[in-house]
């Protein structure tokens, strides 16, 4: 049974898991800010 390399499971635009998690956190923070602004605008 062959062991999979973690790098193979990453999306092609990401080099390391650290970079992947950093992008994920930034994306989630962006979405939270977007939804917050959306709800404030339509209050």
N, C-alpha and C. Protein backbone atom coordinates (compact mmCIF):
# COMPACT_ATOMS: atom_id res chain seq x y z
N UNK A 1 0.85 -1.20 0.00
CA UNK A 1 0.00 0.00 0.00
C UNK A 1 0.88 1.25 0.00
N UNK A 2 0.63 2.12 -0.95
CA UNK A 2 1.46 3.30 -1.10
C UNK A 2 0.96 4.44 -0.21
N UNK A 3 1.91 5.13 0.39
CA UNK A 3 1.59 6.28 1.24
C UNK A 3 1.45 7.52 0.36
N UNK A 4 0.34 8.25 0.51
CA UNK A 4 0.13 9.46 -0.31
C UNK A 4 0.92 10.63 0.26
N UNK A 5 1.51 11.42 -0.62
CA UNK A 5 2.17 12.65 -0.21
C UNK A 5 1.11 13.73 0.03
N UNK A 6 1.21 14.48 1.14
CA UNK A 6 0.21 15.51 1.42
C UNK A 6 0.17 16.59 0.34
N UNK A 7 1.31 16.87 -0.30
CA UNK A 7 1.37 17.90 -1.33
C UNK A 7 0.46 17.56 -2.52
N UNK A 8 0.26 16.26 -2.77
CA UNK A 8 -0.57 15.85 -3.91
C UNK A 8 -2.04 16.17 -3.67
N UNK A 9 -2.44 16.26 -2.43
CA UNK A 9 -3.84 16.52 -2.10
C UNK A 9 -4.18 18.01 -2.12
N UNK A 10 -3.15 18.86 -2.15
CA UNK A 10 -3.37 20.30 -2.12
C UNK A 10 -3.85 20.81 -3.47
N UNK A 11 -4.61 21.92 -3.47
CA UNK A 11 -4.97 22.54 -4.74
C UNK A 11 -3.71 23.01 -5.49
N UNK A 12 -3.77 23.11 -6.81
CA UNK A 12 -2.57 23.42 -7.59
C UNK A 12 -1.96 24.79 -7.33
N UNK A 13 -2.75 25.75 -6.81
CA UNK A 13 -2.21 27.10 -6.59
C UNK A 13 -1.58 27.28 -5.21
N UNK A 14 -1.55 26.22 -4.41
CA UNK A 14 -0.98 26.30 -3.07
C UNK A 14 0.24 25.38 -2.97
N UNK A 15 1.32 25.91 -2.36
CA UNK A 15 2.56 25.13 -2.26
C UNK A 15 2.62 24.29 -0.98
N UNK A 16 2.20 24.87 0.14
CA UNK A 16 2.30 24.18 1.44
C UNK A 16 0.96 24.21 2.17
N UNK A 17 0.84 23.33 3.18
CA UNK A 17 -0.38 23.30 4.00
C UNK A 17 -0.52 24.60 4.78
N UNK A 18 0.62 25.17 5.23
CA UNK A 18 0.59 26.43 5.99
C UNK A 18 -0.03 27.54 5.14
N UNK A 19 0.39 27.61 3.88
CA UNK A 19 -0.15 28.61 2.97
C UNK A 19 -1.64 28.35 2.71
N UNK A 20 -2.02 27.08 2.59
CA UNK A 20 -3.42 26.71 2.37
C UNK A 20 -4.30 27.18 3.52
N UNK A 21 -3.85 26.93 4.76
CA UNK A 21 -4.65 27.33 5.92
C UNK A 21 -4.71 28.85 6.04
N UNK A 22 -3.62 29.53 5.70
CA UNK A 22 -3.61 30.99 5.74
C UNK A 22 -4.63 31.56 4.75
N UNK A 23 -4.66 31.01 3.55
CA UNK A 23 -5.63 31.45 2.54
C UNK A 23 -7.06 31.15 2.99
N UNK A 24 -7.25 30.00 3.62
CA UNK A 24 -8.58 29.62 4.10
C UNK A 24 -9.08 30.59 5.17
N UNK A 25 -8.21 30.96 6.11
CA UNK A 25 -8.57 31.89 7.17
C UNK A 25 -8.88 33.27 6.60
N UNK A 26 -8.06 33.72 5.64
CA UNK A 26 -8.31 35.01 4.99
C UNK A 26 -9.63 35.00 4.24
N UNK A 27 -9.92 33.91 3.54
CA UNK A 27 -11.17 33.80 2.79
C UNK A 27 -12.38 33.83 3.73
N UNK A 28 -12.30 33.10 4.85
CA UNK A 28 -13.40 33.10 5.81
C UNK A 28 -13.59 34.48 6.44
N UNK A 29 -12.50 35.15 6.77
CA UNK A 29 -12.58 36.50 7.34
C UNK A 29 -13.22 37.46 6.33
N UNK A 30 -12.86 37.31 5.06
CA UNK A 30 -13.44 38.14 4.00
C UNK A 30 -14.95 37.91 3.90
N UNK A 31 -15.37 36.65 3.94
CA UNK A 31 -16.80 36.33 3.86
C UNK A 31 -17.56 36.88 5.06
N UNK A 32 -16.99 36.77 6.24
CA UNK A 32 -17.63 37.29 7.44
C UNK A 32 -17.81 38.80 7.33
N UNK A 33 -16.77 39.50 6.88
CA UNK A 33 -16.86 40.95 6.71
C UNK A 33 -17.90 41.31 5.65
N UNK A 34 -17.94 40.54 4.58
CA UNK A 34 -18.90 40.78 3.50
C UNK A 34 -20.34 40.62 4.00
N UNK A 35 -20.62 39.54 4.71
CA UNK A 35 -21.97 39.31 5.22
C UNK A 35 -22.35 40.35 6.28
N UNK A 36 -21.38 40.75 7.08
CA UNK A 36 -21.63 41.78 8.09
C UNK A 36 -22.01 43.10 7.42
N UNK A 37 -21.23 43.47 6.40
CA UNK A 37 -21.53 44.71 5.66
C UNK A 37 -22.89 44.61 4.98
N UNK A 38 -23.20 43.45 4.44
CA UNK A 38 -24.48 43.21 3.77
C UNK A 38 -25.65 43.42 4.74
N UNK A 39 -25.55 42.85 5.93
CA UNK A 39 -26.64 42.98 6.90
C UNK A 39 -26.75 44.41 7.43
N UNK A 40 -25.63 45.10 7.60
CA UNK A 40 -25.65 46.49 8.05
C UNK A 40 -26.29 47.39 7.01
N UNK A 41 -25.98 47.12 5.73
CA UNK A 41 -26.51 47.93 4.63
C UNK A 41 -28.03 47.83 4.54
N UNK A 42 -28.58 46.64 4.75
CA UNK A 42 -30.01 46.41 4.62
C UNK A 42 -30.75 46.47 5.95
N UNK A 43 -30.12 47.02 6.97
CA UNK A 43 -30.75 47.11 8.29
C UNK A 43 -31.92 48.07 8.27
